[in-house]
Amino acid sequence: MNAPDPHRRDRAIQPWNRSDDILKAHRLAHTGGSAALLRWLSVRLAGWTGVVEAGGPPSCPEPELAARAAAELAARGVRSAVLDGPAATALLFALDEGSALAAVLPRPYPPGASVLLADTAVPLSLVRRVEEAARREDRARVAESRAREAVLHLLMDGRLSLAHQVAEALTPSLPDPMRMYVVECRPGTREEVLRQCTELTGGRAWIVRCPVYVRHLIVLVPLDGTATAPTGHDPLAAALSATARDSVTGVSEVTGLRDAPAAYTQAFHALAVARGRVQRYARFGPGPELALAAHTAGAGWAETMLAPLHGYAPRRPQDPGAQELRATAHAWLNFTSHATRLLKIHRNTLATRIRLVEELLGLDLARLPDQAALSLALRLTPGGAPPRPAESCAASLDEVLSHSSLTRWAHRHLRPLTGPDAPVGARDTVRVWLRHDARLVPAAAALGISVPGARKRLTRIEVLLERSLLQSPSARHDLWLAHRAEELGVCHAN
């Protein structure tokens, strides 16, 4: 085994121009990175070149020869080596710890090869360090993003103490109380808008890249002057609209961290309104909260309905348990097929879990009435509390919806559909859409209009109700429950 002789460079340079090659190597390392530099070397030497790692050489014409050369290099502790084989020669120059620049060239190899490799090893070593630093930075960024997403999941599941524990490793602290903002960005601008959100809030906001919608940012902002700003005005959203001109922002009411799921729904509904406004932002229009209105009449019913789910014990340790099935059902009701992105599961896994939930609860979740019932029950039993003994609780959803508090809630919820600002036929459009399980195509056929026409009607109604209908999380469940409560109220009145 012989070391390359650097004193042969006067003969090696011919017929090459060494200075041109050095300049070319440095330029390629700067503009194209290590991969471009290695490709150029392979062409320049008319043979295989690559980096041999401590774990073994990559695929090359003479893998055994390259492996033997790498072992010799490590064993002798030298910086360069040459090993001849029957038909090829392996030339190695040490780079970082445990790696070397290697060339496997047919014999006889060009006399200038060793000098060219020695000159190239310097920029290659430097650019590999830069690339490794960039990879570590990317891994750290991904890890932080996933940690923030995990905190968001915990907040949405009502596990506040765990959310605080995970958030302690990051900055800033979770704001409580807070407003939640959902910012919709133009494609490809989410990172820039995130930076602008950080600057506008002085680094005090907790910002999460939405795991479901790739154009959305979820921003939890601690209270400041925005808490007492005039109704409908939001200084932060206005500033964001001025700096990120293509963004649209929905803003929740002031809530505590414990109410983060409701805050997200509010901000999402406000986002649907903001899309149609010149200022491109909107605050959630305060309205009657279904969970509050239904709590007295429906808490016992909800616990009884969900008892088979909360008491479920999987047959195998790897199967989802009760809490996981509950989280899956909640995510699917809010995001339908997009729940796979939120839960990080395959669509077949999602479908299997939803079928199991249907079997346990005796529901057909392809039907909007059953979806609405499950949605209400989940909201009335936060965290999946075990059932309490039912004293005089309602036995059915209709009994819950017949309660006077639900009747009043339904009238207030549906009032905008018949108000002076309502477009002609708004109430009928919504009723037909709900009757067809909130599916656009059959609803359009029943209305005798095109699908784009039906979509336009519902988009106008979104602004009227200040709620999202066509994009999940949708207010379709609350609308169905309101219509049913109103129907039951009319029947009882007659």
Protein backbone atom coordinates (compact mmCIF):
# COMPACT_ATOMS: atom_id res chain seq x y z
CA MET A 1 0.00 0.00 0.00
CA ASN A 2 1.51 3.30 -1.09
CA ALA A 3 0.70 6.91 -0.21
CA PRO A 4 0.08 9.32 -3.11
CA ASP A 5 3.23 11.31 -3.86
CA PRO A 6 2.44 15.07 -3.92
CA HIS A 7 5.89 15.76 -5.43
CA ARG A 8 4.66 14.25 -8.73
CA ARG A 9 2.39 17.25 -9.31
CA ASP A 10 4.59 18.72 -12.08
CA ARG A 11 3.93 15.62 -14.15
CA ALA A 12 0.38 15.21 -12.82
CA ILE A 13 -0.82 18.60 -13.93
CA GLN A 14 -0.20 17.81 -17.58
CA PRO A 15 -2.42 17.83 -19.55
CA TRP A 16 -4.63 19.57 -16.91
CA ASN A 17 -4.50 23.14 -15.65
CA ARG A 18 -4.31 22.79 -11.90
CA SER A 19 -5.33 26.36 -11.03
CA ASP A 20 -8.41 26.10 -13.25
CA ASP A 21 -9.36 22.82 -11.58
CA ILE A 22 -9.00 24.30 -8.08
CA LEU A 23 -11.17 27.29 -9.03
CA LYS A 24 -13.74 24.98 -10.60
CA ALA A 25 -13.83 22.76 -7.49
CA HIS A 26 -14.35 25.69 -5.13
CA ARG A 27 -17.03 27.20 -7.38
CA LEU A 28 -18.95 23.92 -7.59
CA ALA A 29 -18.69 23.39 -3.83
CA HIS A 30 -20.11 26.87 -3.25
CA THR A 31 -22.96 26.69 -5.78
CA GLY A 32 -23.86 23.02 -6.05
CA GLY A 33 -22.63 21.45 -2.83
CA SER A 34 -20.87 18.14 -2.35
CA ALA A 35 -23.03 16.23 -4.83
CA ALA A 36 -22.16 18.55 -7.72
CA LEU A 37 -18.47 18.46 -6.81
CA LEU A 38 -18.39 14.66 -6.76
CA ARG A 39 -20.21 14.44 -10.10
CA TRP A 40 -17.66 16.77 -11.66
CA LEU A 41 -14.79 14.70 -10.23
CA SER A 42 -16.25 11.51 -11.70
CA VAL A 43 -16.38 13.11 -15.14
CA ARG A 44 -12.95 14.72 -14.77
CA LEU A 45 -11.27 11.47 -13.77
CA ALA A 46 -13.37 9.20 -16.01
CA GLY A 47 -14.05 6.90 -13.06
CA TRP A 48 -16.07 6.49 -9.88
CA THR A 49 -15.60 9.01 -7.07
CA GLY A 50 -17.50 9.30 -3.82
CA VAL A 51 -17.26 9.53 -0.06
CA VAL A 52 -16.45 6.39 1.89
CA GLU A 53 -18.03 6.43 5.35
CA ALA A 54 -16.83 4.49 8.36
CA GLY A 55 -19.73 2.07 7.99
CA GLY A 56 -18.59 0.96 4.54
CA PRO A 57 -18.22 2.26 0.99
CA PRO A 58 -21.15 3.19 -1.23
CA SER A 59 -21.88 1.32 -4.43
CA CYS A 60 -18.86 1.53 -6.72
CA PRO A 61 -17.15 -0.60 -9.38
CA GLU A 62 -14.77 -2.19 -6.84
CA PRO A 63 -16.52 -2.18 -3.46
CA GLU A 64 -14.08 -4.67 -1.90
CA LEU A 65 -11.09 -2.65 -3.07
CA ALA A 66 -12.53 0.60 -1.70
CA ALA A 67 -13.39 -1.12 1.59
CA ARG A 68 -9.90 -2.52 2.00
CA ALA A 69 -8.38 0.88 1.23
CA ALA A 70 -10.66 2.57 3.79
CA ALA A 71 -9.74 -0.03 6.43
CA GLU A 72 -6.04 0.51 5.78
CA LEU A 73 -6.47 4.28 5.98
CA ALA A 74 -8.14 3.98 9.37
CA ALA A 75 -5.75 1.35 10.72
CA ARG A 76 -2.59 3.26 9.85
CA GLY A 77 -3.95 6.66 10.84
CA VAL A 78 -2.71 8.31 7.64
CA ARG A 79 -4.41 11.06 5.64
CA SER A 80 -4.06 9.47 2.19
CA ALA A 81 -3.54 6.08 0.62
CA VAL A 82 -3.44 4.21 -2.69
CA LEU A 83 -4.33 0.55 -3.08
CA ASP A 84 -3.88 -1.31 -6.37
CA GLY A 85 -6.25 -4.03 -7.47
CA PRO A 86 -6.15 -6.41 -10.43
CA ALA A 87 -7.84 -3.98 -12.82
CA ALA A 88 -8.35 -0.77 -10.82
CA THR A 89 -6.72 1.50 -8.24
CA ALA A 90 -8.40 3.02 -5.17
CA LEU A 91 -7.17 6.46 -4.11
CA LEU A 92 -8.34 7.82 -0.75
CA PHE A 93 -7.91 11.16 1.04
CA ALA A 94 -9.20 11.62 4.58
CA LEU A 95 -11.96 14.18 5.09
CA ASP A 96 -13.81 14.42 8.38
CA GLU A 97 -13.52 11.85 11.13
CA GLY A 98 -14.53 8.45 9.78
CA SER A 99 -14.91 9.47 6.13
CA ALA A 100 -12.65 9.83 3.11
CA LEU A 101 -12.81 11.02 -0.47
CA ALA A 102 -12.35 7.94 -2.63
CA ALA A 103 -11.80 7.34 -6.34
CA VAL A 104 -11.81 3.92 -7.98
CA LEU A 105 -10.14 4.33 -11.38
CA PRO A 106 -9.23 1.84 -14.12
CA ARG A 107 -5.55 1.09 -14.39
CA PRO A 108 -3.49 2.85 -15.41
CA TYR A 109 -5.09 5.85 -13.73
CA PRO A 110 -4.23 9.41 -14.88
CA PRO A 111 -1.04 10.64 -13.19
CA GLY A 112 -2.74 13.87 -12.11
CA ALA A 113 -5.56 12.09 -10.29
CA SER A 114 -3.94 12.09 -6.85
CA VAL A 115 -3.16 15.81 -6.99
CA LEU A 116 -6.67 16.64 -8.20
CA LEU A 117 -8.19 14.58 -5.38
CA ALA A 118 -5.91 16.20 -2.80
CA ASP A 119 -6.87 19.68 -4.01
CA THR A 120 -10.57 18.80 -4.05
CA ALA A 121 -10.57 17.26 -0.56
CA VAL A 122 -10.30 20.70 1.08
CA PRO A 123 -13.42 22.35 -0.42
CA LEU A 124 -15.30 19.03 -0.19
CA SER A 125 -14.55 18.76 3.53
CA LEU A 126 -15.68 22.34 4.13
CA VAL A 127 -18.90 22.05 2.16
CA ARG A 128 -19.77 18.77 3.90
CA ARG A 129 -19.46 20.51 7.26
CA VAL A 130 -21.77 23.29 6.06
CA GLU A 131 -24.27 20.74 4.75
CA GLU A 132 -24.19 18.79 8.00
CA ALA A 133 -24.79 22.00 9.97
CA ALA A 134 -27.75 22.78 7.70
CA ARG A 135 -29.14 19.27 8.20
CA ARG A 136 -28.85 19.62 11.97
CA GLU A 137 -30.60 22.97 11.81
CA ASP A 138 -33.37 21.44 9.70
CA ARG A 139 -33.74 18.55 12.16
CA ALA A 140 -33.92 20.99 15.05
CA ARG A 141 -36.53 23.05 13.21
CA VAL A 142 -38.61 19.95 12.44
CA ALA A 143 -38.31 18.77 16.05
CA GLU A 144 -39.48 22.13 17.36
CA SER A 145 -42.35 22.21 14.88
CA ARG A 146 -43.47 18.74 15.94
CA ALA A 147 -43.18 19.65 19.62
CA ARG A 148 -45.38 22.69 19.06
CA GLU A 149 -47.84 20.52 17.15
CA ALA A 150 -47.84 18.05 20.06
CA VAL A 151 -48.68 20.89 22.45
CA LEU A 152 -51.56 21.88 20.17
CA HIS A 153 -52.85 18.28 20.18
CA LEU A 154 -52.74 18.19 23.97
CA LEU A 155 -54.63 21.48 24.20
CA MET A 156 -57.28 20.23 21.80
CA ASP A 157 -57.64 17.03 23.83
CA GLY A 158 -58.06 19.04 27.05
CA ARG A 159 -54.81 17.80 28.64
CA LEU A 160 -53.69 21.19 29.84
CA SER A 161 -51.08 20.11 32.41
CA LEU A 162 -49.28 17.90 29.88
CA ALA A 163 -49.38 20.73 27.33
CA HIS A 164 -47.66 23.03 29.83
CA GLN A 165 -45.02 20.38 30.60
CA VAL A 166 -44.09 19.93 26.93
CA ALA A 167 -44.23 23.67 26.26
CA GLU A 168 -41.71 24.39 29.04
CA ALA A 169 -38.91 23.24 26.72
CA LEU A 170 -39.87 25.88 24.16
CA THR A 171 -40.49 29.60 24.11
CA PRO A 172 -42.53 31.62 24.75
CA SER A 173 -44.84 30.43 27.52
CA LEU A 174 -48.34 29.36 26.60
CA PRO A 175 -50.58 32.45 26.91
CA ASP A 176 -53.55 32.21 29.23
CA PRO A 177 -55.93 33.96 28.67
CA MET A 178 -55.45 34.49 24.96
CA ARG A 179 -56.98 35.06 21.56
CA MET A 180 -56.49 32.46 18.88
CA TYR A 181 -55.78 33.52 15.30
CA VAL A 182 -56.00 31.29 12.22
CA VAL A 183 -53.98 32.86 9.42
CA GLU A 184 -54.45 31.61 5.87
CA CYS A 185 -51.36 32.28 3.73
CA ARG A 186 -50.76 32.34 0.02
CA PRO A 187 -49.11 29.08 -1.18
CA GLY A 188 -45.41 29.06 -0.43
CA THR A 189 -45.48 32.02 1.99
CA ARG A 190 -46.29 30.35 5.31
CA GLU A 191 -42.73 30.60 6.68
CA GLU A 192 -42.53 34.28 5.79
CA VAL A 193 -45.90 34.99 7.40
CA LEU A 194 -44.77 33.05 10.48
CA ARG A 195 -41.75 35.34 10.74
CA GLN A 196 -44.00 38.39 10.39
CA CYS A 197 -46.34 37.08 13.11
CA THR A 198 -43.34 36.63 15.41
CA GLU A 199 -42.17 40.19 14.77
CA LEU A 200 -45.61 41.76 15.14
CA THR A 201 -46.20 40.04 18.48
CA GLY A 202 -42.70 40.72 19.79
CA GLY A 203 -42.04 36.98 20.05
CA ARG A 204 -44.78 36.61 22.69
CA ALA A 205 -47.19 34.51 20.60
CA TRP A 206 -47.26 30.72 20.48
CA ILE A 207 -47.27 29.87 16.77
CA VAL A 208 -48.02 26.44 15.29
CA ARG A 209 -47.99 25.34 11.67
CA CYS A 210 -51.43 23.80 11.18
CA PRO A 211 -51.05 20.01 10.78
CA VAL A 212 -54.21 19.79 8.64
CA TYR A 213 -54.16 22.80 6.30
CA VAL A 214 -50.71 23.49 4.85
CA ARG A 215 -51.55 27.16 4.23
CA HIS A 216 -52.67 27.86 7.80
CA LEU A 217 -50.89 29.13 10.88
CA ILE A 218 -52.44 28.85 14.34
CA VAL A 219 -51.36 31.72 16.59
CA LEU A 220 -52.10 31.96 20.33
CA VAL A 221 -51.62 35.58 21.38
CA PRO A 222 -51.53 36.81 24.99
CA LEU A 223 -53.92 39.61 25.84
CA ASP A 224 -52.88 43.22 25.47
CA GLY A 225 -54.75 46.21 24.10
CA THR A 226 -56.63 43.96 21.66
CA ALA A 227 -58.82 42.78 24.54
CA THR A 228 -60.46 46.18 24.80
CA ALA A 229 -60.31 47.14 21.11
CA PRO A 230 -63.59 48.23 19.45
CA THR A 231 -65.90 45.46 18.31
CA GLY A 232 -64.79 43.99 15.01
CA HIS A 233 -61.40 45.72 15.07
CA ASP A 234 -58.19 43.84 15.80
CA PRO A 235 -54.87 45.74 15.69
CA LEU A 236 -52.73 42.61 15.24
CA ALA A 237 -54.88 41.20 12.42
CA ALA A 238 -54.93 44.62 10.76
CA ALA A 239 -51.14 44.90 10.98
CA LEU A 240 -50.73 41.39 9.63
CA SER A 241 -53.02 42.17 6.68
CA ALA A 242 -50.92 45.24 5.95
CA THR A 243 -47.60 43.37 5.98
CA ALA A 244 -48.66 39.98 4.58
CA ARG A 245 -50.93 41.35 1.88
CA ASP A 246 -52.23 38.03 0.61
CA SER A 247 -53.04 36.59 4.02
CA VAL A 248 -56.51 36.26 5.56
CA THR A 249 -57.03 36.08 9.32
CA GLY A 250 -59.79 34.82 11.60
CA VAL A 251 -59.77 35.83 15.27
CA SER A 252 -61.46 34.13 18.23
CA GLU A 253 -62.98 35.69 21.31
CA VAL A 254 -60.90 35.99 24.47
CA THR A 255 -60.68 32.52 25.99
CA GLY A 256 -58.59 30.50 28.41
CA LEU A 257 -56.28 27.70 27.29
CA ARG A 258 -58.80 25.22 28.61
CA ASP A 259 -61.18 26.39 25.89
CA ALA A 260 -58.63 26.10 23.07
CA PRO A 261 -60.85 23.76 20.96
CA ALA A 262 -63.70 26.30 21.04
CA ALA A 263 -61.26 29.13 20.29
CA TYR A 264 -59.97 27.29 17.23
CA THR A 265 -63.49 26.71 15.92
CA GLN A 266 -64.32 30.38 16.48
CA ALA A 267 -61.21 31.58 14.65
CA PHE A 268 -61.88 29.17 11.79
CA HIS A 269 -65.45 30.42 11.41
CA ALA A 270 -64.17 34.00 11.47
CA LEU A 271 -61.72 33.07 8.71
CA ALA A 272 -64.63 32.10 6.45
CA VAL A 273 -66.08 35.59 6.97
CA ALA A 274 -62.71 37.32 6.50
CA ARG A 275 -62.28 35.88 2.98
CA GLY A 276 -65.13 38.10 1.79
CA ARG A 277 -63.98 41.30 3.48
CA VAL A 278 -61.80 44.04 2.05
CA GLN A 279 -59.67 44.24 5.22
CA ARG A 280 -59.09 40.44 5.02
CA TYR A 281 -59.64 39.75 8.71
CA ALA A 282 -62.63 39.20 10.97
CA ARG A 283 -63.33 38.56 14.62
CA PHE A 284 -65.67 35.80 15.62
CA GLY A 285 -69.22 37.06 15.86
CA PRO A 286 -70.41 36.25 19.37
CA GLY A 287 -73.40 33.97 19.35
CA PRO A 288 -75.17 31.44 21.53
CA GLU A 289 -72.91 28.53 22.45
CA LEU A 290 -74.54 25.15 21.91
CA ALA A 291 -72.57 23.36 24.63
CA LEU A 292 -73.65 25.92 27.24
CA ALA A 293 -77.27 25.86 26.12
CA ALA A 294 -77.42 22.05 26.07
CA HIS A 295 -75.41 21.28 29.19
CA THR A 296 -78.29 21.13 31.66
CA ALA A 297 -80.54 19.04 29.45
CA GLY A 298 -77.91 16.97 27.65
CA ALA A 299 -74.98 16.16 29.95
CA GLY A 300 -76.52 12.95 31.28
CA TRP A 301 -77.71 11.88 27.84
CA ALA A 302 -74.22 12.45 26.39
CA GLU A 303 -72.50 10.39 29.07
CA THR A 304 -74.97 7.54 28.61
CA MET A 305 -74.62 7.66 24.83
CA LEU A 306 -70.81 7.58 24.96
CA ALA A 307 -70.57 4.97 27.74
CA PRO A 308 -69.83 2.06 25.31
CA LEU A 309 -67.00 4.12 23.80
CA HIS A 310 -65.53 5.28 27.13
CA GLY A 311 -65.73 1.75 28.52
CA TYR A 312 -64.15 0.07 25.51
CA ALA A 313 -61.09 -2.09 26.18
CA PRO A 314 -59.07 -3.22 23.13
CA ARG A 315 -58.42 -6.92 22.67
CA ARG A 316 -54.76 -6.41 21.75
CA PRO A 317 -52.24 -3.96 23.26
CA GLN A 318 -51.49 -2.46 19.84
CA ASP A 319 -55.15 -1.64 19.13
CA PRO A 320 -56.50 1.87 19.88
CA GLY A 321 -58.09 2.34 23.28
CA ALA A 322 -61.10 4.38 24.31
CA GLN A 323 -59.27 7.71 24.51
CA GLU A 324 -57.66 7.18 21.10
CA LEU A 325 -60.99 6.26 19.51
CA ARG A 326 -62.60 9.33 21.05
CA ALA A 327 -59.82 11.57 19.67
CA THR A 328 -60.21 9.92 16.26
CA ALA A 329 -63.96 10.51 16.23
CA HIS A 330 -63.50 14.14 17.27
CA ALA A 331 -60.86 14.74 14.59
CA TRP A 332 -62.96 13.07 11.89
CA LEU A 333 -66.07 15.08 12.77
CA ASN A 334 -64.04 18.28 12.54
CA PHE A 335 -61.84 17.53 9.53
CA THR A 336 -63.40 14.50 7.75
CA SER A 337 -60.75 12.80 5.58
CA HIS A 338 -58.14 15.45 6.49
CA ALA A 339 -58.08 13.94 9.99
CA THR A 340 -55.35 11.60 8.71
CA ARG A 341 -52.96 14.58 8.64
CA LEU A 342 -53.90 15.59 12.17
CA LEU A 343 -53.67 12.10 13.64
CA LYS A 344 -50.71 10.98 11.46
CA ILE A 345 -52.43 7.76 10.45
CA HIS A 346 -53.26 6.08 7.14
CA ARG A 347 -56.70 6.62 5.64
CA ASN A 348 -57.46 2.90 6.00
CA THR A 349 -56.62 3.11 9.71
CA LEU A 350 -58.95 6.09 10.03
CA ALA A 351 -61.76 4.24 8.26
CA THR A 352 -61.27 1.17 10.47
CA ARG A 353 -61.43 3.25 13.66
CA ILE A 354 -64.55 5.11 12.52
CA ARG A 355 -66.27 1.80 11.76
CA LEU A 356 -65.40 0.61 15.27
CA VAL A 357 -66.85 3.80 16.77
CA GLU A 358 -70.03 3.22 14.72
CA GLU A 359 -70.30 -0.36 16.00
CA LEU A 360 -69.75 0.64 19.63
CA LEU A 361 -72.29 3.47 19.56
CA GLY A 362 -74.78 2.04 17.07
CA LEU A 363 -74.41 5.00 14.68
CA ASP A 364 -74.20 5.46 10.94
CA LEU A 365 -71.68 8.27 10.61
CA ALA A 366 -72.35 8.64 6.90
CA ARG A 367 -75.60 10.33 8.02
CA LEU A 368 -75.55 13.93 9.20
CA PRO A 369 -78.05 13.37 12.08
CA ASP A 370 -75.76 10.75 13.65
CA GLN A 371 -72.71 12.97 13.08
CA ALA A 372 -74.47 15.86 14.81
CA ALA A 373 -75.50 13.68 17.75
CA LEU A 374 -71.95 12.42 18.27
CA SER A 375 -70.53 15.93 17.89
CA LEU A 376 -72.83 17.28 20.59
CA ALA A 377 -72.15 14.36 22.92
CA LEU A 378 -68.39 14.79 22.64
CA ARG A 379 -68.67 18.50 23.41
CA LEU A 380 -70.82 17.82 26.47
CA THR A 381 -68.33 15.31 27.93
CA PRO A 382 -64.92 17.00 27.65
CA GLY A 383 -62.00 14.70 28.30
CA GLY A 384 -64.14 11.58 28.20
CA ALA A 385 -65.28 11.65 31.84
CA PRO A 386 -66.82 8.39 33.05
CA PRO A 387 -70.62 8.27 33.12
CA ARG A 388 -72.39 9.60 36.20
CA PRO A 389 -75.55 7.95 37.53
CA ALA A 390 -78.44 9.37 35.52
CA GLU A 391 -81.16 10.82 37.77
CA SER A 392 -83.62 12.32 35.32
CA CYS A 393 -81.54 12.76 32.22
CA ALA A 394 -83.01 12.83 28.73
CA ALA A 395 -83.24 9.42 27.11
CA SER A 396 -82.84 10.58 23.53
CA LEU A 397 -81.40 13.41 21.48
CA ASP A 398 -84.91 14.62 20.65
CA GLU A 399 -85.66 14.99 24.35
CA VAL A 400 -82.50 17.07 24.75
CA LEU A 401 -83.37 19.26 21.78
CA SER A 402 -86.93 19.73 23.06
CA HIS A 403 -85.68 21.53 26.15
CA SER A 404 -86.63 25.20 26.29
CA SER A 405 -82.97 26.32 26.45
CA LEU A 406 -82.26 24.51 23.16
CA THR A 407 -85.35 25.98 21.54
CA ARG A 408 -84.21 29.50 22.43
CA TRP A 409 -80.69 28.70 21.21
CA ALA A 410 -82.04 27.41 17.89
CA HIS A 411 -84.13 30.54 17.26
CA ARG A 412 -81.12 32.79 17.88
CA HIS A 413 -78.83 30.61 15.80
CA LEU A 414 -81.14 30.53 12.77
CA ARG A 415 -82.41 34.12 12.98
CA PRO A 416 -79.89 35.49 10.41
CA LEU A 417 -81.32 33.14 7.74
CA THR A 418 -84.63 35.04 7.77
CA GLY A 419 -83.33 38.50 8.66
CA PRO A 420 -83.39 41.56 6.39
CA ASP A 421 -79.86 40.85 5.11
CA ALA A 422 -80.58 37.25 4.17
CA PRO A 423 -80.56 36.39 0.45
CA VAL A 424 -83.78 35.04 -1.02
CA GLY A 425 -84.22 31.34 -0.29
CA ALA A 426 -81.37 31.17 2.25
CA ARG A 427 -83.39 29.13 4.74
CA ASP A 428 -84.58 26.67 2.09
CA THR A 429 -81.06 26.30 0.69
CA VAL A 430 -79.68 25.38 4.10
CA ARG A 431 -82.58 23.05 4.86
CA VAL A 432 -82.14 21.12 1.59
CA TRP A 433 -78.36 20.97 2.05
CA LEU A 434 -78.80 19.52 5.55
CA ARG A 435 -81.46 17.07 4.37
CA HIS A 436 -78.87 15.65 1.95
CA ASP A 437 -76.28 15.16 4.70
CA ALA A 438 -74.47 18.42 3.81
CA ARG A 439 -73.40 16.98 0.45
CA LEU A 440 -73.20 19.56 -2.28
CA VAL A 441 -73.98 17.50 -5.40
CA PRO A 442 -77.33 15.97 -4.33
CA ALA A 443 -78.34 19.24 -2.65
CA ALA A 444 -77.73 21.15 -5.88
CA ALA A 445 -79.80 18.60 -7.81
CA ALA A 446 -82.66 18.91 -5.32
CA LEU A 447 -82.53 22.70 -5.57
CA GLY A 448 -82.51 22.53 -9.36
CA ILE A 449 -79.28 24.53 -9.68
CA SER A 450 -75.69 23.79 -10.64
CA VAL A 451 -73.09 22.68 -8.11
CA PRO A 452 -71.15 25.97 -8.49
CA GLY A 453 -74.45 27.83 -7.97
CA ALA A 454 -75.14 25.91 -4.77
CA ARG A 455 -71.60 26.58 -3.58
CA LYS A 456 -72.03 30.31 -4.19
CA ARG A 457 -75.26 30.34 -2.20
CA LEU A 458 -73.65 28.60 0.74
CA THR A 459 -70.65 30.92 0.56
CA ARG A 460 -72.99 33.91 0.92
CA ILE A 461 -74.72 32.18 3.82
CA GLU A 462 -71.35 31.64 5.51
CA VAL A 463 -70.90 35.41 5.67
CA LEU A 464 -74.47 35.82 6.90
CA LEU A 465 -74.08 33.29 9.71
CA GLU A 466 -70.42 34.17 10.34
CA ARG A 467 -69.71 30.45 10.33
CA SER A 468 -67.80 28.12 8.00
CA LEU A 469 -70.05 25.68 6.14
CA LEU A 470 -68.12 24.33 3.16
CA GLN A 471 -64.72 23.82 4.78
CA SER A 472 -64.13 21.81 7.95
CA PRO A 473 -64.51 22.40 10.82
CA SER A 474 -67.98 23.25 9.56
CA ALA A 475 -71.06 24.51 11.39
CA ARG A 476 -73.18 21.89 9.64
CA HIS A 477 -73.66 19.88 12.85
CA ASP A 478 -74.89 22.88 14.82
CA LEU A 479 -77.17 23.90 11.94
CA TRP A 480 -78.75 20.45 11.83
CA LEU A 481 -79.26 20.45 15.59
CA ALA A 482 -80.78 23.94 15.44
CA HIS A 483 -83.23 22.96 12.69
CA ARG A 484 -84.22 19.82 14.57
CA ALA A 485 -84.71 21.75 17.83
CA GLU A 486 -86.87 24.29 16.03
CA GLU A 487 -88.97 21.54 14.41
CA LEU A 488 -89.52 19.90 17.79
CA GLY A 489 -90.43 23.26 19.32
CA VAL A 490 -93.07 23.83 16.64
CA CYS A 491 -94.51 20.34 17.16
CA HIS A 492 -94.79 20.86 20.91
CA ALA A 493 -96.35 24.28 20.43
CA ASN A 494 -99.04 22.73 18.24
